[in-house]
Amino acid sequence: MEQTVRIEFWEDESGGGRCHVAEFLDSLGEIAALEIAEMLEEGFDGRYLDELFRKEKIRFPQDGLLYLRIEHKGKKIRLIGCLRGNKIILVHGFVKKKIGDIPKTHIKSARERIKNIPENYGPKDLQN
């Protein structure tokens, strides 16, 4: 039976406990951050993964990263992370300004942060 997904913002222990996604959302302004957090909770958290793929809210291309797509007041918000068990662990966020591929700088930042997530993080934590 397929499980529903849970959204989690990664707090980078090696980076002094920073939460890059929360910092990014805060940079958009307090109201926007709250609205986007609510959109994540209502639109993603507790949903089935295949449902999110069908609605094109998530992309999971060959590069091993997971991309969440959110539209907020005309802005294209992109959040990058990975999938561990039924958790979507978000590590990086940005506003997409152009049509086309995601800039390599954002992909590089996300990959570096994902490297800091312990391999055993995820499935054993699902009982929490």
C-alpha atoms as a PDB file:
ATOM      1  CA  MET A   1       0.000   0.000   0.000  1.00  0.00           C
ATOM      2  CA  GLU A   2       1.357   3.398  -0.964  1.00  0.00           C
ATOM      3  CA  GLN A   3       2.089   5.806   1.860  1.00  0.00           C
ATOM      4  CA  THR A   4       1.385   9.473   1.910  1.00  0.00           C
ATOM      5  CA  VAL A   5       4.337  11.855   1.847  1.00  0.00           C
ATOM      6  CA  ARG A   6       5.521  14.225   4.537  1.00  0.00           C
ATOM      7  CA  ILE A   7       7.348  17.471   3.853  1.00  0.00           C
ATOM      8  CA  GLU A   8      10.385  18.318   5.942  1.00  0.00           C
ATOM      9  CA  PHE A   9      12.796  21.263   5.767  1.00  0.00           C
ATOM     10  CA  TRP A  10      16.360  20.056   6.317  1.00  0.00           C
ATOM     11  CA  GLU A  11      18.310  21.701   9.112  1.00  0.00           C
ATOM     12  CA  ASP A  12      21.951  21.425   8.151  1.00  0.00           C
ATOM     13  CA  GLU A  13      23.866  20.308  11.243  1.00  0.00           C
ATOM     14  CA  SER A  14      27.200  20.910   9.497  1.00  0.00           C
ATOM     15  CA  GLY A  15      26.085  24.434   8.652  1.00  0.00           C
ATOM     16  CA  GLY A  16      25.342  25.402  12.247  1.00  0.00           C
ATOM     17  CA  GLY A  17      21.741  24.150  12.192  1.00  0.00           C
ATOM     18  CA  ARG A  18      20.715  26.469   9.347  1.00  0.00           C
ATOM     19  CA  CYS A  19      17.491  25.740   7.533  1.00  0.00           C
ATOM     20  CA  HIS A  20      18.131  27.068   4.034  1.00  0.00           C
ATOM     21  CA  VAL A  21      14.557  26.576   2.811  1.00  0.00           C
ATOM     22  CA  ALA A  22      13.087  28.459   5.775  1.00  0.00           C
ATOM     23  CA  GLU A  23      15.619  31.254   5.220  1.00  0.00           C
ATOM     24  CA  PHE A  24      14.669  31.408   1.538  1.00  0.00           C
ATOM     25  CA  LEU A  25      10.953  31.567   2.343  1.00  0.00           C
ATOM     26  CA  ASP A  26      11.572  34.263   4.953  1.00  0.00           C
ATOM     27  CA  SER A  27      13.440  36.295   2.320  1.00  0.00           C
ATOM     28  CA  LEU A  28      10.173  36.487   0.350  1.00  0.00           C
ATOM     29  CA  GLY A  29       8.498  38.305   3.253  1.00  0.00           C
ATOM     30  CA  GLU A  30       6.608  37.115   6.293  1.00  0.00           C
ATOM     31  CA  ILE A  31       3.194  36.903   4.628  1.00  0.00           C
ATOM     32  CA  ALA A  32       4.540  35.110   1.546  1.00  0.00           C
ATOM     33  CA  ALA A  33       6.476  32.656   3.731  1.00  0.00           C
ATOM     34  CA  LEU A  34       3.347  31.816   5.714  1.00  0.00           C
ATOM     35  CA  GLU A  35       1.224  31.460   2.575  1.00  0.00           C
ATOM     36  CA  ILE A  36       3.757  29.192   0.876  1.00  0.00           C
ATOM     37  CA  ALA A  37       4.146  27.067   4.021  1.00  0.00           C
ATOM     38  CA  GLU A  38       0.362  26.702   4.052  1.00  0.00           C
ATOM     39  CA  MET A  39       0.396  25.771   0.349  1.00  0.00           C
ATOM     40  CA  LEU A  40       2.996  23.084   1.084  1.00  0.00           C
ATOM     41  CA  GLU A  41       0.947  21.700   3.941  1.00  0.00           C
ATOM     42  CA  GLU A  42      -2.325  21.680   2.006  1.00  0.00           C
ATOM     43  CA  GLY A  43      -0.956  20.756  -1.413  1.00  0.00           C
ATOM     44  CA  PHE A  44       1.779  18.268  -0.628  1.00  0.00           C
ATOM     45  CA  ASP A  45       1.875  17.021   2.956  1.00  0.00           C
ATOM     46  CA  GLY A  46      -0.277  13.939   3.400  1.00  0.00           C
ATOM     47  CA  ARG A  47      -0.781  13.392  -0.346  1.00  0.00           C
ATOM     48  CA  TYR A  48       0.156  10.327  -2.324  1.00  0.00           C
ATOM     49  CA  LEU A  49       3.361  10.673  -4.327  1.00  0.00           C
ATOM     50  CA  ASP A  50       1.820   9.429  -7.578  1.00  0.00           C
ATOM     51  CA  GLU A  51      -0.965  12.011  -7.212  1.00  0.00           C
ATOM     52  CA  LEU A  52       1.636  14.794  -6.983  1.00  0.00           C
ATOM     53  CA  PHE A  53       3.427  13.472 -10.090  1.00  0.00           C
ATOM     54  CA  ARG A  54       0.156  13.370 -12.046  1.00  0.00           C
ATOM     55  CA  LYS A  55      -0.642  16.965 -11.094  1.00  0.00           C
ATOM     56  CA  GLU A  56       2.902  17.946 -12.139  1.00  0.00           C
ATOM     57  CA  LYS A  57       3.624  19.456  -8.730  1.00  0.00           C
ATOM     58  CA  ILE A  58       6.749  17.294  -8.405  1.00  0.00           C
ATOM     59  CA  ARG A  59       9.456  16.360 -10.870  1.00  0.00           C
ATOM     60  CA  PHE A  60      11.874  13.560 -10.160  1.00  0.00           C
ATOM     61  CA  PRO A  61      14.203  13.487 -13.177  1.00  0.00           C
ATOM     62  CA  GLN A  62      17.210  11.241 -13.744  1.00  0.00           C
ATOM     63  CA  ASP A  63      19.546  13.460 -11.692  1.00  0.00           C
ATOM     64  CA  GLY A  64      18.284  12.048  -8.369  1.00  0.00           C
ATOM     65  CA  LEU A  65      16.953  15.360  -7.086  1.00  0.00           C
ATOM     66  CA  LEU A  66      13.305  16.068  -6.414  1.00  0.00           C
ATOM     67  CA  TYR A  67      11.802  19.369  -7.557  1.00  0.00           C
ATOM     68  CA  LEU A  68       8.630  20.905  -6.112  1.00  0.00           C
ATOM     69  CA  ARG A  69       6.843  23.500  -8.204  1.00  0.00           C
ATOM     70  CA  ILE A  70       4.742  26.203  -6.575  1.00  0.00           C
ATOM     71  CA  GLU A  71       3.155  29.306  -8.083  1.00  0.00           C
ATOM     72  CA  HIS A  72       2.686  32.174  -5.641  1.00  0.00           C
ATOM     73  CA  LYS A  73       1.359  35.561  -6.766  1.00  0.00           C
ATOM     74  CA  GLY A  74       2.926  35.236 -10.197  1.00  0.00           C
ATOM     75  CA  LYS A  75       6.259  33.958  -8.896  1.00  0.00           C
ATOM     76  CA  LYS A  76       7.543  30.512  -9.791  1.00  0.00           C
ATOM     77  CA  ILE A  77       8.881  29.096  -6.541  1.00  0.00           C
ATOM     78  CA  ARG A  78      11.096  26.046  -6.851  1.00  0.00           C
ATOM     79  CA  LEU A  79      12.140  23.885  -3.925  1.00  0.00           C
ATOM     80  CA  ILE A  80      14.745  21.159  -4.357  1.00  0.00           C
ATOM     81  CA  GLY A  81      15.285  18.130  -2.165  1.00  0.00           C
ATOM     82  CA  CYS A  82      15.287  14.370  -2.102  1.00  0.00           C
ATOM     83  CA  LEU A  83      12.969  11.530  -1.214  1.00  0.00           C
ATOM     84  CA  ARG A  84      13.765   9.289   1.780  1.00  0.00           C
ATOM     85  CA  GLY A  85      11.104   6.767   2.608  1.00  0.00           C
ATOM     86  CA  ASN A  86       7.891   8.773   2.547  1.00  0.00           C
ATOM     87  CA  LYS A  87       9.643  12.046   3.437  1.00  0.00           C
ATOM     88  CA  ILE A  88      10.304  14.808   0.956  1.00  0.00           C
ATOM     89  CA  ILE A  89      13.342  16.503   2.488  1.00  0.00           C
ATOM     90  CA  LEU A  90      13.739  20.020   1.104  1.00  0.00           C
ATOM     91  CA  VAL A  91      17.203  21.559   1.126  1.00  0.00           C
ATOM     92  CA  HIS A  92      17.134  24.525  -1.276  1.00  0.00           C
ATOM     93  CA  GLY A  93      14.694  27.085  -2.653  1.00  0.00           C
ATOM     94  CA  PHE A  94      14.694  29.880  -5.225  1.00  0.00           C
ATOM     95  CA  VAL A  95      12.452  31.944  -7.474  1.00  0.00           C
ATOM     96  CA  LYS A  96      12.685  30.784 -11.080  1.00  0.00           C
ATOM     97  CA  LYS A  97      13.021  33.829 -13.299  1.00  0.00           C
ATOM     98  CA  LYS A  98      13.427  32.360 -16.779  1.00  0.00           C
ATOM     99  CA  ILE A  99      11.880  29.601 -18.823  1.00  0.00           C
ATOM    100  CA  GLY A 100      14.151  26.620 -19.220  1.00  0.00           C
ATOM    101  CA  ASP A 101      16.457  24.549 -17.114  1.00  0.00           C
ATOM    102  CA  ILE A 102      17.156  25.213 -13.455  1.00  0.00           C
ATOM    103  CA  PRO A 103      20.426  27.131 -13.103  1.00  0.00           C
ATOM    104  CA  LYS A 104      23.384  24.896 -12.256  1.00  0.00           C
ATOM    105  CA  THR A 105      24.238  26.992  -9.180  1.00  0.00           C
ATOM    106  CA  HIS A 106      20.961  25.955  -7.541  1.00  0.00           C
ATOM    107  CA  ILE A 107      21.479  22.297  -8.425  1.00  0.00           C
ATOM    108  CA  LYS A 108      25.027  22.406  -7.041  1.00  0.00           C
ATOM    109  CA  SER A 109      23.853  23.974  -3.757  1.00  0.00           C
ATOM    110  CA  ALA A 110      21.136  21.343  -3.362  1.00  0.00           C
ATOM    111  CA  ARG A 111      23.537  18.470  -4.060  1.00  0.00           C
ATOM    112  CA  GLU A 112      26.044  19.777  -1.490  1.00  0.00           C
ATOM    113  CA  ARG A 113      23.331  20.016   1.169  1.00  0.00           C
ATOM    114  CA  ILE A 114      21.922  16.578   0.392  1.00  0.00           C
ATOM    115  CA  LYS A 115      25.405  15.116   0.918  1.00  0.00           C
ATOM    116  CA  ASN A 116      25.099  16.230   4.559  1.00  0.00           C
ATOM    117  CA  ILE A 117      21.930  14.209   5.130  1.00  0.00           C
ATOM    118  CA  PRO A 118      22.905  10.919   6.807  1.00  0.00           C
ATOM    119  CA  GLU A 119      22.264   7.836   4.675  1.00  0.00           C
ATOM    120  CA  ASN A 120      20.196   6.244   7.443  1.00  0.00           C
ATOM    121  CA  TYR A 121      18.012   9.346   7.729  1.00  0.00           C
ATOM    122  CA  GLY A 122      14.474   8.716   6.573  1.00  0.00           C
ATOM    123  CA  PRO A 123      12.850   5.295   6.754  1.00  0.00           C
ATOM    124  CA  LYS A 124      13.840   4.534  10.359  1.00  0.00           C
ATOM    125  CA  ASP A 125      12.606   8.017  11.336  1.00  0.00           C
ATOM    126  CA  LEU A 126       9.153   7.396   9.874  1.00  0.00           C
ATOM    127  CA  GLN A 127       7.846   6.132  13.172  1.00  0.00           C
ATOM    128  CA  ASN A 128       8.468   9.547  14.793  1.00  0.00           C
END
